[in-house]
Every structure is written in structure tokens, then in C-alpha cells.
Amino acid sequence: MPERPDDHPAVADFDLSKVLACLAETNRRSVIEALYHQPDGQEQFCSVFGLPWAPSTRTHHFRLMRRAGLIHQRDVGNGQMTQLRRLDIEEAYPGLLKSLFGPRRVHRETVA
């Protein structure tokens, strides 16, 4: 199936409400987090994430992430390779991914 222009939006066309809606759903957020913790540019098949979705539902969720600009997908045989659009996300929303998925910071409380 050929890509439609809105399938992989340009950075200038990112919509924060779509990004946040994608990240609000636990399983989609887990996909983005898994991709975030992989080396930049690494791709994964959709099936590697072990999601509890039926294939048609998985297609829907990955389409939402793609259209929000969070991932890039390309067809490989009868599957799709998925890659985090790390640099594009950082350009559009500096620090977003690190604040969500980066190393946890230890907060010390001061007691007076």
C-alpha cells in the first residue's frame, strides 16, 4: 500500500495534541519507550513489542503513532519496520523524550 502524505508528517506539521494523545495510551507509550532505549536509527518489527492487540488493532495504533510523527515505518516483506523519529521529535519538542523516558533523577527532600 503506498504511503499517503499524512502518514509521516513533516516536523512543521507535528501536532502536540496528537503526540500527547498517543503517549497517553499505555501500550503506545511502551512502544515509544522501547524504541527510545535502543540505539538511534535501529528498527524493529511491530510484532517484537509483544502487545496485547489483535493485528487490525495493532495497525490502528501504529498508524496513530506514525501520523503523530513519533515513528517512521517502512514495509519489509509482509511486515513493517518501525523506527523512532528521535531527531524530529527533539526538533519539534526539545527534551520531551528525555523527560519521559530518560534516566530517573533522584530527588532529595530537605527537612527543616
N, C-alpha and C. Protein backbone atom coordinates (compact mmCIF):
# COMPACT_ATOMS: atom_id res chain seq x y z
N MET A 1 0.86 -1.18 0.00
CA MET A 1 0.00 0.00 0.00
C MET A 1 0.90 1.24 0.00
N PRO A 2 0.71 2.16 -0.94
CA PRO A 2 1.55 3.37 -0.96
C PRO A 2 1.24 4.29 0.21
N GLU A 3 2.28 5.00 0.66
CA GLU A 3 2.10 5.93 1.76
C GLU A 3 1.30 7.13 1.32
N ARG A 4 0.46 7.61 2.22
CA ARG A 4 -0.25 8.86 1.97
C ARG A 4 0.59 9.98 2.56
N PRO A 5 0.44 11.21 2.08
CA PRO A 5 1.27 12.31 2.58
C PRO A 5 1.19 12.52 4.09
N ASP A 6 0.05 12.22 4.72
CA ASP A 6 -0.09 12.46 6.15
C ASP A 6 0.44 11.30 7.00
N ASP A 7 0.90 10.24 6.36
CA ASP A 7 1.39 9.10 7.12
C ASP A 7 2.67 9.39 7.89
N HIS A 8 3.55 10.20 7.35
CA HIS A 8 4.78 10.60 8.01
C HIS A 8 4.89 12.12 7.90
N PRO A 9 4.25 12.84 8.81
CA PRO A 9 4.21 14.30 8.67
C PRO A 9 5.59 14.95 8.80
N ALA A 10 5.74 16.07 8.14
CA ALA A 10 6.95 16.88 8.30
C ALA A 10 6.95 17.45 9.71
N VAL A 11 8.12 17.78 10.22
CA VAL A 11 8.23 18.32 11.58
C VAL A 11 7.34 19.54 11.74
N ALA A 12 7.28 20.38 10.74
CA ALA A 12 6.45 21.59 10.81
C ALA A 12 4.97 21.27 10.96
N ASP A 13 4.58 20.05 10.60
CA ASP A 13 3.17 19.66 10.68
C ASP A 13 2.83 18.84 11.91
N PHE A 14 3.80 18.64 12.82
CA PHE A 14 3.51 17.91 14.05
C PHE A 14 2.45 18.66 14.84
N ASP A 15 1.59 17.89 15.49
CA ASP A 15 0.51 18.44 16.30
C ASP A 15 0.68 17.88 17.72
N LEU A 16 0.97 18.77 18.66
CA LEU A 16 1.23 18.34 20.04
C LEU A 16 0.07 17.55 20.62
N SER A 17 -1.16 17.89 20.28
CA SER A 17 -2.30 17.15 20.83
C SER A 17 -2.29 15.70 20.34
N LYS A 18 -1.87 15.44 19.11
CA LYS A 18 -1.78 14.07 18.60
C LYS A 18 -0.65 13.32 19.30
N VAL A 19 0.47 13.99 19.51
CA VAL A 19 1.61 13.37 20.20
C VAL A 19 1.20 12.98 21.62
N LEU A 20 0.60 13.91 22.34
CA LEU A 20 0.20 13.63 23.72
C LEU A 20 -0.88 12.55 23.80
N ALA A 21 -1.80 12.55 22.85
CA ALA A 21 -2.83 11.51 22.83
C ALA A 21 -2.21 10.13 22.63
N CYS A 22 -1.22 10.05 21.76
CA CYS A 22 -0.53 8.78 21.55
C CYS A 22 0.20 8.34 22.81
N LEU A 23 0.88 9.26 23.45
CA LEU A 23 1.66 8.92 24.63
C LEU A 23 0.79 8.66 25.86
N ALA A 24 -0.46 9.06 25.82
CA ALA A 24 -1.36 8.85 26.96
C ALA A 24 -1.80 7.39 27.07
N GLU A 25 -1.73 6.65 25.99
CA GLU A 25 -2.15 5.25 26.00
C GLU A 25 -0.94 4.39 26.39
N THR A 26 -1.10 3.55 27.39
CA THR A 26 -0.01 2.79 27.99
C THR A 26 0.78 1.95 26.99
N ASN A 27 0.11 1.20 26.14
CA ASN A 27 0.82 0.32 25.20
C ASN A 27 1.57 1.11 24.13
N ARG A 28 0.97 2.18 23.63
CA ARG A 28 1.69 3.01 22.65
C ARG A 28 2.90 3.65 23.30
N ARG A 29 2.74 4.14 24.53
CA ARG A 29 3.87 4.73 25.24
C ARG A 29 4.98 3.71 25.44
N SER A 30 4.62 2.46 25.71
CA SER A 30 5.63 1.41 25.90
C SER A 30 6.41 1.16 24.61
N VAL A 31 5.76 1.27 23.47
CA VAL A 31 6.45 1.13 22.18
C VAL A 31 7.47 2.25 22.02
N ILE A 32 7.05 3.48 22.27
CA ILE A 32 7.95 4.63 22.12
C ILE A 32 9.10 4.53 23.11
N GLU A 33 8.81 4.10 24.33
CA GLU A 33 9.87 3.95 25.32
C GLU A 33 10.88 2.87 24.91
N ALA A 34 10.39 1.75 24.40
CA ALA A 34 11.29 0.68 23.95
C ALA A 34 12.19 1.18 22.81
N LEU A 35 11.61 1.92 21.88
CA LEU A 35 12.40 2.47 20.78
C LEU A 35 13.39 3.52 21.28
N TYR A 36 12.99 4.31 22.26
CA TYR A 36 13.85 5.35 22.83
C TYR A 36 15.12 4.74 23.42
N HIS A 37 15.00 3.59 24.06
CA HIS A 37 16.13 2.97 24.73
C HIS A 37 17.01 2.13 23.81
N GLN A 38 16.69 2.12 22.52
CA GLN A 38 17.52 1.44 21.54
C GLN A 38 18.45 2.45 20.89
N PRO A 39 19.53 1.97 20.27
CA PRO A 39 20.42 2.89 19.57
C PRO A 39 19.67 3.67 18.49
N ASP A 40 20.06 4.92 18.31
CA ASP A 40 19.41 5.78 17.32
C ASP A 40 19.49 5.12 15.94
N GLY A 41 18.37 5.11 15.25
CA GLY A 41 18.31 4.55 13.90
C GLY A 41 17.96 3.08 13.85
N GLN A 42 17.90 2.41 14.98
CA GLN A 42 17.56 0.99 14.99
C GLN A 42 16.08 0.81 14.70
N GLU A 43 15.75 -0.22 13.93
CA GLU A 43 14.38 -0.53 13.57
C GLU A 43 13.95 -1.84 14.21
N GLN A 44 12.65 -1.98 14.41
CA GLN A 44 12.07 -3.21 14.95
C GLN A 44 10.80 -3.55 14.18
N PHE A 45 10.53 -4.84 14.05
CA PHE A 45 9.24 -5.26 13.52
C PHE A 45 8.17 -4.97 14.56
N CYS A 46 6.98 -4.65 14.14
CA CYS A 46 5.87 -4.34 15.06
C CYS A 46 5.61 -5.49 16.03
N SER A 47 5.80 -6.71 15.57
CA SER A 47 5.48 -7.87 16.40
C SER A 47 6.43 -8.04 17.58
N VAL A 48 7.59 -7.41 17.57
CA VAL A 48 8.60 -7.60 18.61
C VAL A 48 8.17 -6.98 19.95
N PHE A 49 7.21 -6.09 19.94
CA PHE A 49 6.84 -5.37 21.15
C PHE A 49 5.92 -6.16 22.07
N GLY A 50 5.40 -7.29 21.62
CA GLY A 50 4.58 -8.14 22.47
C GLY A 50 3.31 -7.47 22.97
N LEU A 51 2.65 -6.75 22.10
CA LEU A 51 1.45 -6.00 22.50
C LEU A 51 0.22 -6.90 22.52
N PRO A 52 -0.75 -6.60 23.38
CA PRO A 52 -1.94 -7.44 23.52
C PRO A 52 -3.02 -7.15 22.48
N TRP A 53 -2.65 -6.59 21.35
CA TRP A 53 -3.62 -6.18 20.35
C TRP A 53 -3.76 -7.21 19.24
N ALA A 54 -4.97 -7.33 18.72
CA ALA A 54 -5.19 -8.10 17.50
C ALA A 54 -4.49 -7.37 16.35
N PRO A 55 -4.14 -8.06 15.27
CA PRO A 55 -3.43 -7.41 14.17
C PRO A 55 -4.10 -6.13 13.64
N SER A 56 -5.41 -6.15 13.50
CA SER A 56 -6.08 -4.95 12.99
C SER A 56 -5.99 -3.80 13.98
N THR A 57 -6.06 -4.10 15.26
CA THR A 57 -5.94 -3.07 16.29
C THR A 57 -4.52 -2.53 16.34
N ARG A 58 -3.54 -3.44 16.18
CA ARG A 58 -2.14 -3.03 16.15
C ARG A 58 -1.89 -2.07 14.99
N THR A 59 -2.46 -2.37 13.83
CA THR A 59 -2.33 -1.50 12.67
C THR A 59 -2.87 -0.11 12.98
N HIS A 60 -4.00 -0.06 13.63
CA HIS A 60 -4.61 1.22 14.02
C HIS A 60 -3.70 2.03 14.93
N HIS A 61 -3.17 1.40 15.98
CA HIS A 61 -2.33 2.11 16.95
C HIS A 61 -1.01 2.58 16.33
N PHE A 62 -0.41 1.76 15.49
CA PHE A 62 0.83 2.18 14.83
C PHE A 62 0.56 3.31 13.83
N ARG A 63 -0.60 3.30 13.20
CA ARG A 63 -0.97 4.40 12.30
C ARG A 63 -1.08 5.70 13.09
N LEU A 64 -1.68 5.65 14.28
CA LEU A 64 -1.79 6.86 15.11
C LEU A 64 -0.41 7.39 15.49
N MET A 65 0.49 6.51 15.87
CA MET A 65 1.84 6.95 16.23
C MET A 65 2.59 7.50 15.02
N ARG A 66 2.38 6.89 13.87
CA ARG A 66 3.01 7.36 12.64
C ARG A 66 2.49 8.74 12.25
N ARG A 67 1.19 8.90 12.29
CA ARG A 67 0.59 10.18 11.89
C ARG A 67 0.88 11.29 12.89
N ALA A 68 1.18 10.94 14.14
CA ALA A 68 1.57 11.95 15.13
C ALA A 68 3.02 12.37 14.93
N GLY A 69 3.77 11.58 14.16
CA GLY A 69 5.17 11.89 13.90
C GLY A 69 6.13 11.21 14.85
N LEU A 70 5.65 10.30 15.67
CA LEU A 70 6.50 9.63 16.65
C LEU A 70 7.37 8.54 16.03
N ILE A 71 6.86 7.88 15.03
CA ILE A 71 7.60 6.77 14.42
C ILE A 71 7.63 6.91 12.90
N HIS A 72 8.58 6.22 12.32
CA HIS A 72 8.63 6.06 10.86
C HIS A 72 8.54 4.57 10.60
N GLN A 73 7.75 4.18 9.62
CA GLN A 73 7.62 2.78 9.27
C GLN A 73 7.90 2.59 7.79
N ARG A 74 8.48 1.43 7.49
CA ARG A 74 8.68 1.06 6.10
C ARG A 74 8.32 -0.40 5.95
N ASP A 75 7.78 -0.73 4.79
CA ASP A 75 7.37 -2.10 4.51
C ASP A 75 8.58 -2.98 4.24
N VAL A 76 8.56 -4.17 4.83
CA VAL A 76 9.59 -5.18 4.61
C VAL A 76 8.86 -6.51 4.49
N GLY A 77 8.80 -7.05 3.29
CA GLY A 77 8.06 -8.30 3.09
C GLY A 77 6.60 -8.11 3.49
N ASN A 78 6.12 -8.97 4.37
CA ASN A 78 4.73 -8.84 4.81
C ASN A 78 4.62 -8.14 6.17
N GLY A 79 5.68 -7.47 6.60
CA GLY A 79 5.67 -6.74 7.87
C GLY A 79 6.14 -5.31 7.68
N GLN A 80 6.27 -4.62 8.78
CA GLN A 80 6.75 -3.25 8.76
C GLN A 80 7.83 -3.07 9.81
N MET A 81 8.88 -2.36 9.42
CA MET A 81 9.94 -2.00 10.35
C MET A 81 9.59 -0.64 10.94
N THR A 82 9.77 -0.50 12.24
CA THR A 82 9.40 0.72 12.96
C THR A 82 10.65 1.35 13.56
N GLN A 83 10.75 2.66 13.41
CA GLN A 83 11.89 3.41 13.94
C GLN A 83 11.38 4.68 14.61
N LEU A 84 11.95 5.04 15.75
CA LEU A 84 11.61 6.27 16.45
C LEU A 84 12.14 7.47 15.66
N ARG A 85 11.34 8.49 15.51
CA ARG A 85 11.78 9.72 14.83
C ARG A 85 12.40 10.66 15.88
N ARG A 86 13.44 10.16 16.51
CA ARG A 86 14.09 10.83 17.64
C ARG A 86 14.50 12.27 17.32
N LEU A 87 15.24 12.48 16.24
CA LEU A 87 15.73 13.82 15.91
C LEU A 87 14.58 14.77 15.57
N ASP A 88 13.58 14.27 14.86
CA ASP A 88 12.43 15.11 14.52
C ASP A 88 11.63 15.50 15.76
N ILE A 89 11.45 14.55 16.67
CA ILE A 89 10.72 14.84 17.91
C ILE A 89 11.49 15.85 18.74
N GLU A 90 12.81 15.67 18.81
CA GLU A 90 13.65 16.60 19.58
C GLU A 90 13.60 18.00 18.97
N GLU A 91 13.56 18.08 17.65
CA GLU A 91 13.46 19.39 16.99
C GLU A 91 12.13 20.07 17.31
N ALA A 92 11.06 19.29 17.26
CA ALA A 92 9.73 19.85 17.49
C ALA A 92 9.47 20.13 18.97
N TYR A 93 9.91 19.22 19.83
CA TYR A 93 9.61 19.31 21.27
C TYR A 93 10.88 18.99 22.06
N PRO A 94 11.80 19.93 22.13
CA PRO A 94 13.08 19.67 22.80
C PRO A 94 12.90 19.15 24.23
N GLY A 95 13.57 18.03 24.51
CA GLY A 95 13.56 17.46 25.85
C GLY A 95 12.38 16.57 26.19
N LEU A 96 11.39 16.47 25.31
CA LEU A 96 10.19 15.69 25.63
C LEU A 96 10.53 14.23 25.90
N LEU A 97 11.24 13.59 24.98
CA LEU A 97 11.54 12.17 25.15
C LEU A 97 12.41 11.92 26.38
N LYS A 98 13.40 12.76 26.58
CA LYS A 98 14.27 12.58 27.75
C LYS A 98 13.48 12.76 29.04
N SER A 99 12.58 13.73 29.07
CA SER A 99 11.81 13.95 30.29
C SER A 99 10.86 12.78 30.58
N LEU A 100 10.41 12.10 29.54
CA LEU A 100 9.51 10.97 29.73
C LEU A 100 10.24 9.66 29.99
N PHE A 101 11.34 9.45 29.27
CA PHE A 101 11.96 8.12 29.27
C PHE A 101 13.44 8.11 29.65
N GLY A 102 14.01 9.29 29.93
CA GLY A 102 15.42 9.36 30.26
C GLY A 102 15.70 8.79 31.63
N PRO A 103 16.96 8.84 32.04
CA PRO A 103 17.32 8.30 33.36
C PRO A 103 16.53 8.98 34.47
N ARG A 104 16.13 8.18 35.40
CA ARG A 104 15.37 8.72 36.52
C ARG A 104 16.28 9.55 37.41
N ARG A 105 15.78 10.67 37.85
CA ARG A 105 16.53 11.54 38.73
C ARG A 105 16.14 11.26 40.17
N VAL A 106 17.10 11.32 41.03
CA VAL A 106 16.84 11.14 42.45
C VAL A 106 16.55 12.51 43.04
N HIS A 107 15.39 12.65 43.66
CA HIS A 107 15.02 13.91 44.30
C HIS A 107 15.18 13.74 45.80
N ARG A 108 15.93 14.64 46.36
CA ARG A 108 16.11 14.59 47.81
C ARG A 108 15.25 15.66 48.45
N GLU A 109 14.53 15.23 49.44
CA GLU A 109 13.70 16.18 50.17
C GLU A 109 14.52 16.75 51.32
N THR A 110 14.38 18.04 51.51
CA THR A 110 15.06 18.64 52.64
C THR A 110 14.06 18.79 53.76
N VAL A 111 14.49 18.40 54.93
CA VAL A 111 13.63 18.51 56.10
C VAL A 111 14.13 19.65 56.96
N ALA A 112 13.25 20.56 57.27
CA ALA A 112 13.66 21.73 58.08
C ALA A 112 13.55 21.43 59.53
